[in-house]
Amino acid sequence: MPWKESHIVDQRLQFLSSYQKEEMSVADLCRAYGISRPTAYRWINRYNEAGPEGLLDRSSRPHSCLHATLEPMENTILVLRAKPPS
């Protein structure tokens, strides 16, 4: 008997389907799916805002780096490094 393959987005859609049918409370659904309530409400809000595309995993990469060197300074350094040593 082959393994039943399940994708994360499919499980999230099943969760939201159960939520919309009001079969169980959010707390009970969270216990059944093994997730926290903040995660459940995050999925519900994303689904309401963006539809099924909102359930896809998002990158956890930071949007910016506060301690990065400013671009003009970086360009100056690169120009100086390109010059031969004297």
C-alpha atoms as a PDB file:
ATOM      1  CA  MET A   1       0.000   0.000   0.000  1.00  0.00           C
ATOM      2  CA  PRO A   2       1.619   3.311  -1.078  1.00  0.00           C
ATOM      3  CA  TRP A   3       2.040   6.257   1.229  1.00  0.00           C
ATOM      4  CA  LYS A   4      -0.558   8.980   0.985  1.00  0.00           C
ATOM      5  CA  GLU A   5       1.191  12.140  -0.196  1.00  0.00           C
ATOM      6  CA  SER A   6       0.027  15.391   1.362  1.00  0.00           C
ATOM      7  CA  HIS A   7       1.223  18.916   0.592  1.00  0.00           C
ATOM      8  CA  ILE A   8       1.358  21.697   3.155  1.00  0.00           C
ATOM      9  CA  VAL A   9      -0.904  23.994   1.161  1.00  0.00           C
ATOM     10  CA  ASP A  10      -3.481  21.197   0.848  1.00  0.00           C
ATOM     11  CA  GLN A  11      -3.495  20.737   4.625  1.00  0.00           C
ATOM     12  CA  ARG A  12      -3.909  24.471   5.128  1.00  0.00           C
ATOM     13  CA  LEU A  13      -6.835  24.487   2.674  1.00  0.00           C
ATOM     14  CA  GLN A  14      -8.418  21.580   4.575  1.00  0.00           C
ATOM     15  CA  PHE A  15      -8.008  23.544   7.802  1.00  0.00           C
ATOM     16  CA  LEU A  16      -9.659  26.612   6.273  1.00  0.00           C
ATOM     17  CA  SER A  17     -12.450  24.518   4.791  1.00  0.00           C
ATOM     18  CA  SER A  18     -13.225  23.101   8.237  1.00  0.00           C
ATOM     19  CA  TYR A  19     -13.015  26.599   9.705  1.00  0.00           C
ATOM     20  CA  GLN A  20     -15.456  28.022   7.152  1.00  0.00           C
ATOM     21  CA  LYS A  21     -17.918  25.162   7.704  1.00  0.00           C
ATOM     22  CA  GLU A  22     -17.785  25.952  11.429  1.00  0.00           C
ATOM     23  CA  GLU A  23     -17.531  22.247  12.239  1.00  0.00           C
ATOM     24  CA  MET A  24     -15.264  22.876  15.224  1.00  0.00           C
ATOM     25  CA  SER A  25     -13.952  25.833  17.184  1.00  0.00           C
ATOM     26  CA  VAL A  26     -10.618  27.353  16.192  1.00  0.00           C
ATOM     27  CA  ALA A  27      -9.001  25.924  19.329  1.00  0.00           C
ATOM     28  CA  ASP A  28     -10.238  22.414  18.494  1.00  0.00           C
ATOM     29  CA  LEU A  29      -9.096  22.748  14.883  1.00  0.00           C
ATOM     30  CA  CYS A  30      -5.669  23.867  16.095  1.00  0.00           C
ATOM     31  CA  ARG A  31      -5.382  20.798  18.303  1.00  0.00           C
ATOM     32  CA  ALA A  32      -6.482  18.539  15.433  1.00  0.00           C
ATOM     33  CA  TYR A  33      -3.952  20.041  12.995  1.00  0.00           C
ATOM     34  CA  GLY A  34      -1.167  20.476  15.560  1.00  0.00           C
ATOM     35  CA  ILE A  35      -0.763  24.233  15.143  1.00  0.00           C
ATOM     36  CA  SER A  36      -0.981  27.225  17.462  1.00  0.00           C
ATOM     37  CA  ARG A  37      -3.898  29.657  17.449  1.00  0.00           C
ATOM     38  CA  PRO A  38      -1.737  32.601  16.277  1.00  0.00           C
ATOM     39  CA  THR A  39      -0.667  30.480  13.296  1.00  0.00           C
ATOM     40  CA  ALA A  40      -4.298  29.591  12.560  1.00  0.00           C
ATOM     41  CA  TYR A  41      -5.385  33.216  12.630  1.00  0.00           C
ATOM     42  CA  ARG A  42      -2.397  34.160  10.449  1.00  0.00           C
ATOM     43  CA  TRP A  43      -3.517  31.614   7.827  1.00  0.00           C
ATOM     44  CA  ILE A  44      -7.133  32.809   8.044  1.00  0.00           C
ATOM     45  CA  ASN A  45      -6.090  36.445   7.552  1.00  0.00           C
ATOM     46  CA  ARG A  46      -3.739  35.623   4.683  1.00  0.00           C
ATOM     47  CA  TYR A  47      -6.426  33.552   2.975  1.00  0.00           C
ATOM     48  CA  ASN A  48      -8.952  36.387   3.341  1.00  0.00           C
ATOM     49  CA  GLU A  49      -6.460  38.900   1.924  1.00  0.00           C
ATOM     50  CA  ALA A  50      -4.839  36.930  -0.915  1.00  0.00           C
ATOM     51  CA  GLY A  51      -6.847  33.758  -1.433  1.00  0.00           C
ATOM     52  CA  PRO A  52      -5.061  30.405  -1.845  1.00  0.00           C
ATOM     53  CA  GLU A  53      -1.801  32.165  -2.833  1.00  0.00           C
ATOM     54  CA  GLY A  54      -1.674  33.604   0.673  1.00  0.00           C
ATOM     55  CA  LEU A  55      -1.182  30.102   2.085  1.00  0.00           C
ATOM     56  CA  LEU A  56       2.144  29.527   0.345  1.00  0.00           C
ATOM     57  CA  ASP A  57       5.268  29.606   2.507  1.00  0.00           C
ATOM     58  CA  ARG A  58       6.904  33.001   2.659  1.00  0.00           C
ATOM     59  CA  SER A  59      10.590  33.729   2.852  1.00  0.00           C
ATOM     60  CA  SER A  60      11.935  34.458   6.316  1.00  0.00           C
ATOM     61  CA  ARG A  61      14.775  36.510   4.814  1.00  0.00           C
ATOM     62  CA  PRO A  62      14.991  40.005   6.340  1.00  0.00           C
ATOM     63  CA  HIS A  63      13.876  42.895   4.125  1.00  0.00           C
ATOM     64  CA  SER A  64      16.906  44.979   5.051  1.00  0.00           C
ATOM     65  CA  CYS A  65      20.115  44.870   7.033  1.00  0.00           C
ATOM     66  CA  LEU A  66      20.528  47.763   9.452  1.00  0.00           C
ATOM     67  CA  HIS A  67      24.262  47.333   9.891  1.00  0.00           C
ATOM     68  CA  ALA A  68      25.083  47.040   6.159  1.00  0.00           C
ATOM     69  CA  THR A  69      27.539  49.473   4.598  1.00  0.00           C
ATOM     70  CA  LEU A  70      25.828  52.246   2.648  1.00  0.00           C
ATOM     71  CA  GLU A  71      25.966  51.859  -1.137  1.00  0.00           C
ATOM     72  CA  PRO A  72      28.023  55.042  -1.886  1.00  0.00           C
ATOM     73  CA  MET A  73      30.616  53.979   0.692  1.00  0.00           C
ATOM     74  CA  GLU A  74      30.652  50.453  -0.720  1.00  0.00           C
ATOM     75  CA  ASN A  75      31.238  51.762  -4.253  1.00  0.00           C
ATOM     76  CA  THR A  76      34.106  53.953  -3.021  1.00  0.00           C
ATOM     77  CA  ILE A  77      35.732  50.977  -1.326  1.00  0.00           C
ATOM     78  CA  LEU A  78      35.392  48.859  -4.466  1.00  0.00           C
ATOM     79  CA  VAL A  79      37.007  51.593  -6.593  1.00  0.00           C
ATOM     80  CA  LEU A  80      39.916  51.870  -4.124  1.00  0.00           C
ATOM     81  CA  ARG A  81      40.364  48.088  -4.042  1.00  0.00           C
ATOM     82  CA  ALA A  82      40.473  47.951  -7.856  1.00  0.00           C
ATOM     83  CA  LYS A  83      43.452  50.334  -7.974  1.00  0.00           C
ATOM     84  CA  PRO A  84      46.868  48.701  -7.888  1.00  0.00           C
ATOM     85  CA  PRO A  85      48.760  49.144  -4.623  1.00  0.00           C
ATOM     86  CA  SER A  86      51.302  51.949  -4.606  1.00  0.00           C
END
